[in-house]
């Protein structure tokens, strides 16, 4: 069984893709679909912020000096760049306002944590949600985890600290993104025969159509012929064995190659497919745990 996992700050859900063969009905291989998920926090201290404009000493500050802290997990690899972008609202793109790092100190890691100090940010953009943080990787150079900044009210005179948070995830990105996954028997939940088989596949998400394609599916050295491949879920709180929500191949649908090593035809999941309403949003928001599973049958 292959399984995809998404983490969530509250009540994670789990879905899976299921490959069935004959000796492990509970699943021979599984791949948890762990997607990028994190937070960007902007902290602004009014005591050290720029003074009001010389031409309007009693007016609002045109910019603030802030710190930006980024924490994100589940990335495809090292962070190649991180930027503050704008002006742009949710669903649109904006140019780079502030380059935070390029390259960034996260070599060989799927997680990234960094704080950037003394970042000059236009207050107008922060006060009307017209800016966002974008984290870039080599696999997804246009952005892999984006967080739209929420409205923050900045005082103009009294000293104090203001904090604004932005959730970082794939759902907010506006260009296609691809993620690669590996399946093995160690990720299974419940009793099964340990297997030396492996499987790999890719998920490509298309924000323009809220659809995703499962492709480059290769299984090797299964203990018996592959008979089915599914997406399962949801699970709440922790990995589990869940119901089928989408069939990639198997009985009643497109047949799977009847072999222990094979390449499976790609499949595109859209919102129009039965049982998949909201699946794209659930996976890309990082608020659910999904998985791909390869099964055997008695």
C-alpha atoms as a PDB file:
ATOM      1  CA  UNK A   1       0.000   0.000   0.000  1.00  0.00           C
ATOM      2  CA  UNK A   2       1.224   3.505  -0.776  1.00  0.00           C
ATOM      3  CA  UNK A   3       0.197   6.316   1.500  1.00  0.00           C
ATOM      4  CA  UNK A   4       0.307  10.121   1.390  1.00  0.00           C
ATOM      5  CA  UNK A   5       0.423  12.201   4.572  1.00  0.00           C
ATOM      6  CA  UNK A   6      -0.414  15.823   5.284  1.00  0.00           C
ATOM      7  CA  UNK A   7       0.223  17.356   8.686  1.00  0.00           C
ATOM      8  CA  UNK A   8      -2.144  19.809  10.320  1.00  0.00           C
ATOM      9  CA  UNK A   9      -1.967  22.085  13.328  1.00  0.00           C
ATOM     10  CA  UNK A  10      -5.469  20.885  14.200  1.00  0.00           C
ATOM     11  CA  UNK A  11      -7.057  17.505  13.474  1.00  0.00           C
ATOM     12  CA  UNK A  12      -4.927  16.129  10.639  1.00  0.00           C
ATOM     13  CA  UNK A  13      -6.663  14.009   7.998  1.00  0.00           C
ATOM     14  CA  UNK A  14      -5.172  11.085   6.107  1.00  0.00           C
ATOM     15  CA  UNK A  15      -5.797   9.901   2.555  1.00  0.00           C
ATOM     16  CA  UNK A  16      -3.970   7.239   0.574  1.00  0.00           C
ATOM     17  CA  UNK A  17      -3.361   5.687  -2.791  1.00  0.00           C
ATOM     18  CA  UNK A  18      -3.778   1.912  -2.628  1.00  0.00           C
ATOM     19  CA  UNK A  19      -1.977  -0.730  -4.724  1.00  0.00           C
ATOM     20  CA  UNK A  20      -3.251  -4.276  -4.108  1.00  0.00           C
ATOM     21  CA  UNK A  21      -1.408  -7.540  -4.639  1.00  0.00           C
ATOM     22  CA  UNK A  22      -2.091 -11.056  -3.404  1.00  0.00           C
ATOM     23  CA  UNK A  23      -0.184 -11.704  -0.185  1.00  0.00           C
ATOM     24  CA  UNK A  24      -0.742  -8.569   1.883  1.00  0.00           C
ATOM     25  CA  UNK A  25      -4.392  -7.488   1.891  1.00  0.00           C
ATOM     26  CA  UNK A  26      -3.544  -4.852   4.504  1.00  0.00           C
ATOM     27  CA  UNK A  27      -0.921  -3.405   2.158  1.00  0.00           C
ATOM     28  CA  UNK A  28       2.578  -4.283   1.020  1.00  0.00           C
ATOM     29  CA  UNK A  29       3.858  -0.742   0.455  1.00  0.00           C
ATOM     30  CA  UNK A  30       2.811   2.674   1.674  1.00  0.00           C
ATOM     31  CA  UNK A  31       3.959   6.262   1.101  1.00  0.00           C
ATOM     32  CA  UNK A  32       2.838   9.058   3.400  1.00  0.00           C
ATOM     33  CA  UNK A  33       2.113  12.213   1.448  1.00  0.00           C
ATOM     34  CA  UNK A  34       3.825  14.806   3.596  1.00  0.00           C
ATOM     35  CA  UNK A  35       3.201  18.259   2.118  1.00  0.00           C
ATOM     36  CA  UNK A  36       4.816  21.611   3.008  1.00  0.00           C
ATOM     37  CA  UNK A  37       3.178  23.169   6.037  1.00  0.00           C
ATOM     38  CA  UNK A  38       4.377  25.967   8.310  1.00  0.00           C
ATOM     39  CA  UNK A  39       4.092  29.524   9.563  1.00  0.00           C
ATOM     40  CA  UNK A  40       5.625  32.907   8.827  1.00  0.00           C
ATOM     41  CA  UNK A  41       5.552  35.343  11.756  1.00  0.00           C
ATOM     42  CA  UNK A  42       6.196  39.075  11.380  1.00  0.00           C
ATOM     43  CA  UNK A  43       7.094  40.997  14.528  1.00  0.00           C
ATOM     44  CA  UNK A  44       7.257  44.790  14.567  1.00  0.00           C
ATOM     45  CA  UNK A  45       8.380  46.910  17.511  1.00  0.00           C
ATOM     46  CA  UNK A  46       6.949  50.437  17.413  1.00  0.00           C
ATOM     47  CA  UNK A  47       9.720  51.673  19.685  1.00  0.00           C
ATOM     48  CA  UNK A  48      12.362  51.157  16.983  1.00  0.00           C
ATOM     49  CA  UNK A  49      10.222  51.737  13.905  1.00  0.00           C
ATOM     50  CA  UNK A  50      10.934  54.652  11.549  1.00  0.00           C
ATOM     51  CA  UNK A  51       9.589  58.032  12.606  1.00  0.00           C
ATOM     52  CA  UNK A  52       6.533  59.488  10.820  1.00  0.00           C
ATOM     53  CA  UNK A  53       7.162  61.163   7.494  1.00  0.00           C
ATOM     54  CA  UNK A  54       8.966  64.544   7.590  1.00  0.00           C
ATOM     55  CA  UNK A  55       6.216  65.995   5.411  1.00  0.00           C
ATOM     56  CA  UNK A  56       3.486  64.574   7.613  1.00  0.00           C
ATOM     57  CA  UNK A  57       4.889  64.205  11.142  1.00  0.00           C
ATOM     58  CA  UNK A  58       1.548  63.182  12.574  1.00  0.00           C
ATOM     59  CA  UNK A  59       0.635  60.748   9.814  1.00  0.00           C
ATOM     60  CA  UNK A  60       1.152  56.983   9.673  1.00  0.00           C
ATOM     61  CA  UNK A  61       4.563  55.459   9.143  1.00  0.00           C
ATOM     62  CA  UNK A  62       5.285  54.577   5.532  1.00  0.00           C
ATOM     63  CA  UNK A  63       7.311  51.518   6.510  1.00  0.00           C
ATOM     64  CA  UNK A  64       8.337  49.552   9.566  1.00  0.00           C
ATOM     65  CA  UNK A  65      11.455  47.678  10.568  1.00  0.00           C
ATOM     66  CA  UNK A  66      10.376  44.154  11.387  1.00  0.00           C
ATOM     67  CA  UNK A  67      11.633  40.641  11.954  1.00  0.00           C
ATOM     68  CA  UNK A  68      10.256  37.751   9.894  1.00  0.00           C
ATOM     69  CA  UNK A  69      10.472  34.205  11.255  1.00  0.00           C
ATOM     70  CA  UNK A  70       9.793  31.299   8.906  1.00  0.00           C
ATOM     71  CA  UNK A  71       9.240  27.683   9.966  1.00  0.00           C
ATOM     72  CA  UNK A  72       8.136  25.116   7.386  1.00  0.00           C
ATOM     73  CA  UNK A  73       8.358  21.329   7.107  1.00  0.00           C
ATOM     74  CA  UNK A  74       7.661  18.800   4.357  1.00  0.00           C
ATOM     75  CA  UNK A  75       9.610  20.598   1.627  1.00  0.00           C
ATOM     76  CA  UNK A  76      11.010  18.731  -1.376  1.00  0.00           C
ATOM     77  CA  UNK A  77      14.538  19.837  -0.436  1.00  0.00           C
ATOM     78  CA  UNK A  78      16.684  22.826   0.376  1.00  0.00           C
ATOM     79  CA  UNK A  79      15.200  26.317   0.299  1.00  0.00           C
ATOM     80  CA  UNK A  80      16.777  28.157  -2.629  1.00  0.00           C
ATOM     81  CA  UNK A  81      15.118  31.505  -1.914  1.00  0.00           C
ATOM     82  CA  UNK A  82      12.555  33.178   0.341  1.00  0.00           C
ATOM     83  CA  UNK A  83      10.915  36.509  -0.466  1.00  0.00           C
ATOM     84  CA  UNK A  84       8.307  38.979   0.663  1.00  0.00           C
ATOM     85  CA  UNK A  85       6.092  39.577  -2.414  1.00  0.00           C
ATOM     86  CA  UNK A  86       3.484  42.190  -3.284  1.00  0.00           C
ATOM     87  CA  UNK A  87       1.314  43.941  -3.938  1.00  0.00           C
ATOM     88  CA  UNK A  88      -0.908  40.925  -4.491  1.00  0.00           C
ATOM     89  CA  UNK A  89      -3.959  39.471  -2.826  1.00  0.00           C
ATOM     90  CA  UNK A  90      -4.798  35.782  -2.379  1.00  0.00           C
ATOM     91  CA  UNK A  91      -4.893  34.025  -5.742  1.00  0.00           C
ATOM     92  CA  UNK A  92      -2.685  36.543  -7.556  1.00  0.00           C
ATOM     93  CA  UNK A  93       1.071  37.084  -7.828  1.00  0.00           C
ATOM     94  CA  UNK A  94       3.286  40.068  -7.044  1.00  0.00           C
ATOM     95  CA  UNK A  95       6.909  40.969  -7.554  1.00  0.00           C
ATOM     96  CA  UNK A  96       9.646  40.603  -4.970  1.00  0.00           C
ATOM     97  CA  UNK A  97       9.440  43.394  -2.386  1.00  0.00           C
ATOM     98  CA  UNK A  98      12.146  42.127  -0.058  1.00  0.00           C
ATOM     99  CA  UNK A  99      14.567  39.279  -0.877  1.00  0.00           C
ATOM    100  CA  UNK A 100      15.006  37.499   2.460  1.00  0.00           C
ATOM    101  CA  UNK A 101      17.618  34.953   1.370  1.00  0.00           C
ATOM    102  CA  UNK A 102      19.060  33.447  -1.799  1.00  0.00           C
ATOM    103  CA  UNK A 103      20.559  30.941  -1.346  1.00  0.00           C
ATOM    104  CA  UNK A 104      19.202  30.002   2.066  1.00  0.00           C
ATOM    105  CA  UNK A 105      20.820  27.972   4.822  1.00  0.00           C
ATOM    106  CA  UNK A 106      18.908  24.695   4.567  1.00  0.00           C
ATOM    107  CA  UNK A 107      21.141  22.389   2.560  1.00  0.00           C
ATOM    108  CA  UNK A 108      19.712  18.897   2.156  1.00  0.00           C
ATOM    109  CA  UNK A 109      16.792  19.484   4.504  1.00  0.00           C
ATOM    110  CA  UNK A 110      13.022  19.149   4.054  1.00  0.00           C
ATOM    111  CA  UNK A 111      12.524  21.509   6.987  1.00  0.00           C
ATOM    112  CA  UNK A 112      13.481  25.154   7.236  1.00  0.00           C
ATOM    113  CA  UNK A 113      13.609  27.574  10.178  1.00  0.00           C
ATOM    114  CA  UNK A 114      15.076  31.060   9.954  1.00  0.00           C
ATOM    115  CA  UNK A 115      14.551  34.561  11.366  1.00  0.00           C
ATOM    116  CA  UNK A 116      15.344  37.671   9.331  1.00  0.00           C
ATOM    117  CA  UNK A 117      15.966  40.903  11.257  1.00  0.00           C
ATOM    118  CA  UNK A 118      15.571  44.580  10.325  1.00  0.00           C
ATOM    119  CA  UNK A 119      13.329  43.939   7.319  1.00  0.00           C
ATOM    120  CA  UNK A 120      11.808  47.173   5.979  1.00  0.00           C
ATOM    121  CA  UNK A 121       8.144  46.561   5.098  1.00  0.00           C
ATOM    122  CA  UNK A 122       5.646  49.101   3.651  1.00  0.00           C
ATOM    123  CA  UNK A 123       2.837  49.410   6.187  1.00  0.00           C
ATOM    124  CA  UNK A 124       0.223  49.835   3.451  1.00  0.00           C
ATOM    125  CA  UNK A 125       0.853  46.326   2.186  1.00  0.00           C
ATOM    126  CA  UNK A 126       0.661  44.781   5.641  1.00  0.00           C
ATOM    127  CA  UNK A 127      -2.500  46.581   6.593  1.00  0.00           C
ATOM    128  CA  UNK A 128      -4.541  45.390   3.597  1.00  0.00           C
ATOM    129  CA  UNK A 129      -3.348  41.760   3.156  1.00  0.00           C
ATOM    130  CA  UNK A 130      -1.640  42.684  -0.131  1.00  0.00           C
ATOM    131  CA  UNK A 131       1.652  40.879   0.519  1.00  0.00           C
ATOM    132  CA  UNK A 132       2.794  37.316   1.040  1.00  0.00           C
ATOM    133  CA  UNK A 133       5.812  35.201   1.956  1.00  0.00           C
ATOM    134  CA  UNK A 134       6.957  32.667  -0.633  1.00  0.00           C
ATOM    135  CA  UNK A 135       9.453  29.853  -0.036  1.00  0.00           C
ATOM    136  CA  UNK A 136      11.167  28.468  -3.157  1.00  0.00           C
ATOM    137  CA  UNK A 137      12.990  25.184  -3.839  1.00  0.00           C
ATOM    138  CA  UNK A 138      14.875  23.675  -6.768  1.00  0.00           C
ATOM    139  CA  UNK A 139      11.945  21.341  -7.507  1.00  0.00           C
ATOM    140  CA  UNK A 140       9.450  24.208  -7.430  1.00  0.00           C
ATOM    141  CA  UNK A 141      11.377  27.384  -8.308  1.00  0.00           C
ATOM    142  CA  UNK A 142       8.226  29.514  -8.634  1.00  0.00           C
ATOM    143  CA  UNK A 143       7.286  28.735  -5.053  1.00  0.00           C
ATOM    144  CA  UNK A 144       6.530  25.701  -2.905  1.00  0.00           C
ATOM    145  CA  UNK A 145       4.998  27.178   0.252  1.00  0.00           C
ATOM    146  CA  UNK A 146       3.181  30.511   0.307  1.00  0.00           C
ATOM    147  CA  UNK A 147       1.590  32.465   3.140  1.00  0.00           C
ATOM    148  CA  UNK A 148      -0.667  35.492   2.628  1.00  0.00           C
ATOM    149  CA  UNK A 149      -0.145  38.048   5.392  1.00  0.00           C
ATOM    150  CA  UNK A 150      -3.227  38.832   7.437  1.00  0.00           C
ATOM    151  CA  UNK A 151      -4.253  42.407   8.217  1.00  0.00           C
ATOM    152  CA  UNK A 152      -2.083  43.950  10.945  1.00  0.00           C
ATOM    153  CA  UNK A 153      -2.944  47.249  12.618  1.00  0.00           C
ATOM    154  CA  UNK A 154       0.178  49.302  13.287  1.00  0.00           C
ATOM    155  CA  UNK A 155       0.062  52.027  15.969  1.00  0.00           C
ATOM    156  CA  UNK A 156       1.746  55.290  14.930  1.00  0.00           C
ATOM    157  CA  UNK A 157       2.955  56.646  18.259  1.00  0.00           C
ATOM    158  CA  UNK A 158       2.825  54.351  21.290  1.00  0.00           C
ATOM    159  CA  UNK A 159       5.631  51.876  21.789  1.00  0.00           C
ATOM    160  CA  UNK A 160       4.662  48.226  21.607  1.00  0.00           C
ATOM    161  CA  UNK A 161       4.986  45.039  19.641  1.00  0.00           C
ATOM    162  CA  UNK A 162       2.683  43.858  16.870  1.00  0.00           C
ATOM    163  CA  UNK A 163       2.673  40.311  15.561  1.00  0.00           C
ATOM    164  CA  UNK A 164       1.077  38.922  12.408  1.00  0.00           C
ATOM    165  CA  UNK A 165       1.073  35.272  11.312  1.00  0.00           C
ATOM    166  CA  UNK A 166       0.674  33.656   7.905  1.00  0.00           C
ATOM    167  CA  UNK A 167       0.072  29.943   7.309  1.00  0.00           C
ATOM    168  CA  UNK A 168       2.539  28.563   4.737  1.00  0.00           C
ATOM    169  CA  UNK A 169       1.253  25.830   2.405  1.00  0.00           C
ATOM    170  CA  UNK A 170       0.886  24.656  -1.198  1.00  0.00           C
ATOM    171  CA  UNK A 171      -2.785  25.667  -1.444  1.00  0.00           C
ATOM    172  CA  UNK A 172      -1.918  29.373  -1.740  1.00  0.00           C
ATOM    173  CA  UNK A 173       0.545  28.922  -4.612  1.00  0.00           C
ATOM    174  CA  UNK A 174      -0.585  30.008  -8.086  1.00  0.00           C
ATOM    175  CA  UNK A 175       1.701  27.950 -10.361  1.00  0.00           C
ATOM    176  CA  UNK A 176       1.998  24.192 -10.925  1.00  0.00           C
ATOM    177  CA  UNK A 177       4.117  22.270  -8.410  1.00  0.00           C
ATOM    178  CA  UNK A 178       5.510  18.705  -8.463  1.00  0.00           C
ATOM    179  CA  UNK A 179       6.360  16.466  -5.497  1.00  0.00           C
ATOM    180  CA  UNK A 180       8.056  13.050  -5.573  1.00  0.00           C
ATOM    181  CA  UNK A 181       7.270  10.224  -3.127  1.00  0.00           C
ATOM    182  CA  UNK A 182       8.739   6.849  -2.171  1.00  0.00           C
ATOM    183  CA  UNK A 183       6.767   3.873  -0.865  1.00  0.00           C
ATOM    184  CA  UNK A 184       7.958   0.999   1.295  1.00  0.00           C
ATOM    185  CA  UNK A 185       6.577  -1.527   3.782  1.00  0.00           C
ATOM    186  CA  UNK A 186       7.885   0.372   6.834  1.00  0.00           C
ATOM    187  CA  UNK A 187       5.185   3.024   6.471  1.00  0.00           C
ATOM    188  CA  UNK A 188       2.306   0.537   6.729  1.00  0.00           C
ATOM    189  CA  UNK A 189      -0.163   0.682   9.612  1.00  0.00           C
ATOM    190  CA  UNK A 190      -1.175  -2.694  11.043  1.00  0.00           C
ATOM    191  CA  UNK A 191       0.118  -6.218  10.527  1.00  0.00           C
ATOM    192  CA  UNK A 192       1.675  -7.102   7.205  1.00  0.00           C
ATOM    193  CA  UNK A 193       4.549  -9.115   5.765  1.00  0.00           C
ATOM    194  CA  UNK A 194       7.718  -7.056   5.486  1.00  0.00           C
ATOM    195  CA  UNK A 195       8.657  -6.492   1.871  1.00  0.00           C
ATOM    196  CA  UNK A 196      11.772  -5.448   0.001  1.00  0.00           C
ATOM    197  CA  UNK A 197       9.612  -4.016  -2.788  1.00  0.00           C
ATOM    198  CA  UNK A 198       9.651  -0.297  -3.604  1.00  0.00           C
ATOM    199  CA  UNK A 199       7.489   2.176  -5.482  1.00  0.00           C
ATOM    200  CA  UNK A 200       7.927   5.769  -6.607  1.00  0.00           C
ATOM    201  CA  UNK A 201       5.516   8.312  -8.052  1.00  0.00           C
ATOM    202  CA  UNK A 202       4.975  12.042  -8.491  1.00  0.00           C
ATOM    203  CA  UNK A 203       2.077  14.378  -7.741  1.00  0.00           C
ATOM    204  CA  UNK A 204       1.713  17.519  -9.852  1.00  0.00           C
ATOM    205  CA  UNK A 205      -0.756  20.115  -8.552  1.00  0.00           C
ATOM    206  CA  UNK A 206      -2.445  22.580 -10.932  1.00  0.00           C
ATOM    207  CA  UNK A 207      -3.898  25.575  -9.029  1.00  0.00           C
ATOM    208  CA  UNK A 208      -5.658  26.907 -12.145  1.00  0.00           C
ATOM    209  CA  UNK A 209      -7.982  23.881 -12.249  1.00  0.00           C
ATOM    210  CA  UNK A 210      -7.726  22.637  -8.633  1.00  0.00           C
ATOM    211  CA  UNK A 211      -6.658  19.253  -9.998  1.00  0.00           C
ATOM    212  CA  UNK A 212      -3.622  17.046  -9.539  1.00  0.00           C
ATOM    213  CA  UNK A 213      -1.966  14.341 -11.623  1.00  0.00           C
ATOM    214  CA  UNK A 214      -0.390  11.157 -10.300  1.00  0.00           C
ATOM    215  CA  UNK A 215       2.377  10.136 -12.683  1.00  0.00           C
ATOM    216  CA  UNK A 216       5.745   8.398 -13.031  1.00  0.00           C
ATOM    217  CA  UNK A 217       4.329   5.473 -11.041  1.00  0.00           C
ATOM    218  CA  UNK A 218       6.852   2.641 -10.896  1.00  0.00           C
ATOM    219  CA  UNK A 219       6.558  -0.455  -8.673  1.00  0.00           C
ATOM    220  CA  UNK A 220       9.380  -2.959  -8.311  1.00  0.00           C
ATOM    221  CA  UNK A 221       9.753  -6.456  -6.823  1.00  0.00           C
ATOM    222  CA  UNK A 222       6.286  -6.854  -5.330  1.00  0.00           C
ATOM    223  CA  UNK A 223       5.627 -10.192  -3.633  1.00  0.00           C
ATOM    224  CA  UNK A 224       2.742 -10.876  -6.020  1.00  0.00           C
ATOM    225  CA  UNK A 225       1.127  -9.095  -8.990  1.00  0.00           C
ATOM    226  CA  UNK A 226      -0.308  -5.623  -8.496  1.00  0.00           C
ATOM    227  CA  UNK A 227      -4.116  -5.566  -8.638  1.00  0.00           C
ATOM    228  CA  UNK A 228      -5.277  -2.128  -7.410  1.00  0.00           C
ATOM    229  CA  UNK A 229      -4.119   1.386  -6.625  1.00  0.00           C
ATOM    230  CA  UNK A 230      -6.235   3.883  -4.681  1.00  0.00           C
ATOM    231  CA  UNK A 231      -6.272   7.140  -2.783  1.00  0.00           C
ATOM    232  CA  UNK A 232      -7.648   6.605   0.730  1.00  0.00           C
ATOM    233  CA  UNK A 233      -8.808   8.790   3.585  1.00  0.00           C
ATOM    234  CA  UNK A 234      -9.378  10.684   5.664  1.00  0.00           C
ATOM    235  CA  UNK A 235      -7.656   9.795   8.912  1.00  0.00           C
ATOM    236  CA  UNK A 236      -8.001  12.107  11.879  1.00  0.00           C
ATOM    237  CA  UNK A 237      -5.071  12.833  14.167  1.00  0.00           C
ATOM    238  CA  UNK A 238      -2.689  10.035  13.158  1.00  0.00           C
ATOM    239  CA  UNK A 239      -1.919   7.576  10.349  1.00  0.00           C
ATOM    240  CA  UNK A 240      -4.578   4.894   9.909  1.00  0.00           C
ATOM    241  CA  UNK A 241      -6.126   2.570   7.362  1.00  0.00           C
ATOM    242  CA  UNK A 242      -8.938   4.475   5.666  1.00  0.00           C
ATOM    243  CA  UNK A 243     -11.587   4.038   2.985  1.00  0.00           C
ATOM    244  CA  UNK A 244     -10.983   4.480  -0.749  1.00  0.00           C
ATOM    245  CA  UNK A 245     -11.768   7.948  -2.101  1.00  0.00           C
ATOM    246  CA  UNK A 246     -10.298   7.566  -5.591  1.00  0.00           C
ATOM    247  CA  UNK A 247      -9.286   4.593  -7.743  1.00  0.00           C
ATOM    248  CA  UNK A 248      -6.214   5.005  -9.919  1.00  0.00           C
ATOM    249  CA  UNK A 249      -6.344   1.435 -11.187  1.00  0.00           C
ATOM    250  CA  UNK A 250      -8.035  -1.744 -10.115  1.00  0.00           C
ATOM    251  CA  UNK A 251     -11.239  -3.817 -10.319  1.00  0.00           C
ATOM    252  CA  UNK A 252     -14.130  -1.767 -11.665  1.00  0.00           C
ATOM    253  CA  UNK A 253     -11.820   0.882 -13.115  1.00  0.00           C
ATOM    254  CA  UNK A 254      -8.702   1.090 -15.229  1.00  0.00           C
ATOM    255  CA  UNK A 255      -6.909  -2.252 -14.843  1.00  0.00           C
ATOM    256  CA  UNK A 256      -3.493  -2.333 -13.182  1.00  0.00           C
ATOM    257  CA  UNK A 257      -0.587  -4.105 -14.890  1.00  0.00           C
ATOM    258  CA  UNK A 258      -0.675  -7.707 -13.630  1.00  0.00           C
ATOM    259  CA  UNK A 259       3.001  -7.877 -12.717  1.00  0.00           C
ATOM    260  CA  UNK A 260       5.306  -7.649  -9.730  1.00  0.00           C
ATOM    261  CA  UNK A 261       7.287  -4.869 -11.405  1.00  0.00           C
ATOM    262  CA  UNK A 262       5.465  -2.402 -13.623  1.00  0.00           C
ATOM    263  CA  UNK A 263       4.808   1.165 -14.694  1.00  0.00           C
ATOM    264  CA  UNK A 264       1.255   2.365 -13.994  1.00  0.00           C
ATOM    265  CA  UNK A 265      -0.520   4.823 -16.272  1.00  0.00           C
ATOM    266  CA  UNK A 266      -0.876   8.334 -14.900  1.00  0.00           C
ATOM    267  CA  UNK A 267      -4.215   9.529 -13.564  1.00  0.00           C
ATOM    268  CA  UNK A 268      -5.611  13.050 -13.086  1.00  0.00           C
ATOM    269  CA  UNK A 269      -7.894  13.781 -10.124  1.00  0.00           C
ATOM    270  CA  UNK A 270     -10.397  16.602 -10.603  1.00  0.00           C
ATOM    271  CA  UNK A 271     -13.151  18.044  -8.438  1.00  0.00           C
ATOM    272  CA  UNK A 272     -15.690  16.464 -10.800  1.00  0.00           C
ATOM    273  CA  UNK A 273     -14.562  12.934  -9.913  1.00  0.00           C
ATOM    274  CA  UNK A 274     -16.930  11.121  -7.567  1.00  0.00           C
ATOM    275  CA  UNK A 275     -15.902  11.287  -3.924  1.00  0.00           C
ATOM    276  CA  UNK A 276     -13.058  13.746  -4.443  1.00  0.00           C
ATOM    277  CA  UNK A 277     -14.760  17.074  -3.650  1.00  0.00           C
ATOM    278  CA  UNK A 278     -12.306  19.175  -1.646  1.00  0.00           C
ATOM    279  CA  UNK A 279      -9.497  16.628  -2.005  1.00  0.00           C
ATOM    280  CA  UNK A 280      -7.160  19.081  -3.757  1.00  0.00           C
ATOM    281  CA  UNK A 281      -7.726  21.699  -1.047  1.00  0.00           C
ATOM    282  CA  UNK A 282      -7.351  19.198   1.793  1.00  0.00           C
ATOM    283  CA  UNK A 283      -4.043  17.868   0.501  1.00  0.00           C
ATOM    284  CA  UNK A 284      -2.447  21.175  -0.491  1.00  0.00           C
ATOM    285  CA  UNK A 285      -3.478  23.033   2.667  1.00  0.00           C
ATOM    286  CA  UNK A 286      -1.378  20.676   4.765  1.00  0.00           C
ATOM    287  CA  UNK A 287      -4.393  20.102   6.994  1.00  0.00           C
ATOM    288  CA  UNK A 288      -4.773  16.421   6.337  1.00  0.00           C
ATOM    289  CA  UNK A 289      -2.785  13.209   6.264  1.00  0.00           C
ATOM    290  CA  UNK A 290      -3.118  11.270   3.014  1.00  0.00           C
ATOM    291  CA  UNK A 291      -1.231   8.225   1.776  1.00  0.00           C
ATOM    292  CA  UNK A 292      -0.698   5.924  -1.186  1.00  0.00           C
ATOM    293  CA  UNK A 293      -0.944   2.198  -0.496  1.00  0.00           C
ATOM    294  CA  UNK A 294      -0.019  -0.912  -2.520  1.00  0.00           C
ATOM    295  CA  UNK A 295      -1.947  -4.016  -1.416  1.00  0.00           C
ATOM    296  CA  UNK A 296      -1.823  -7.768  -1.866  1.00  0.00           C
ATOM    297  CA  UNK A 297      -4.885  -9.982  -1.872  1.00  0.00           C
ATOM    298  CA  UNK A 298      -5.257 -13.424  -0.294  1.00  0.00           C
END
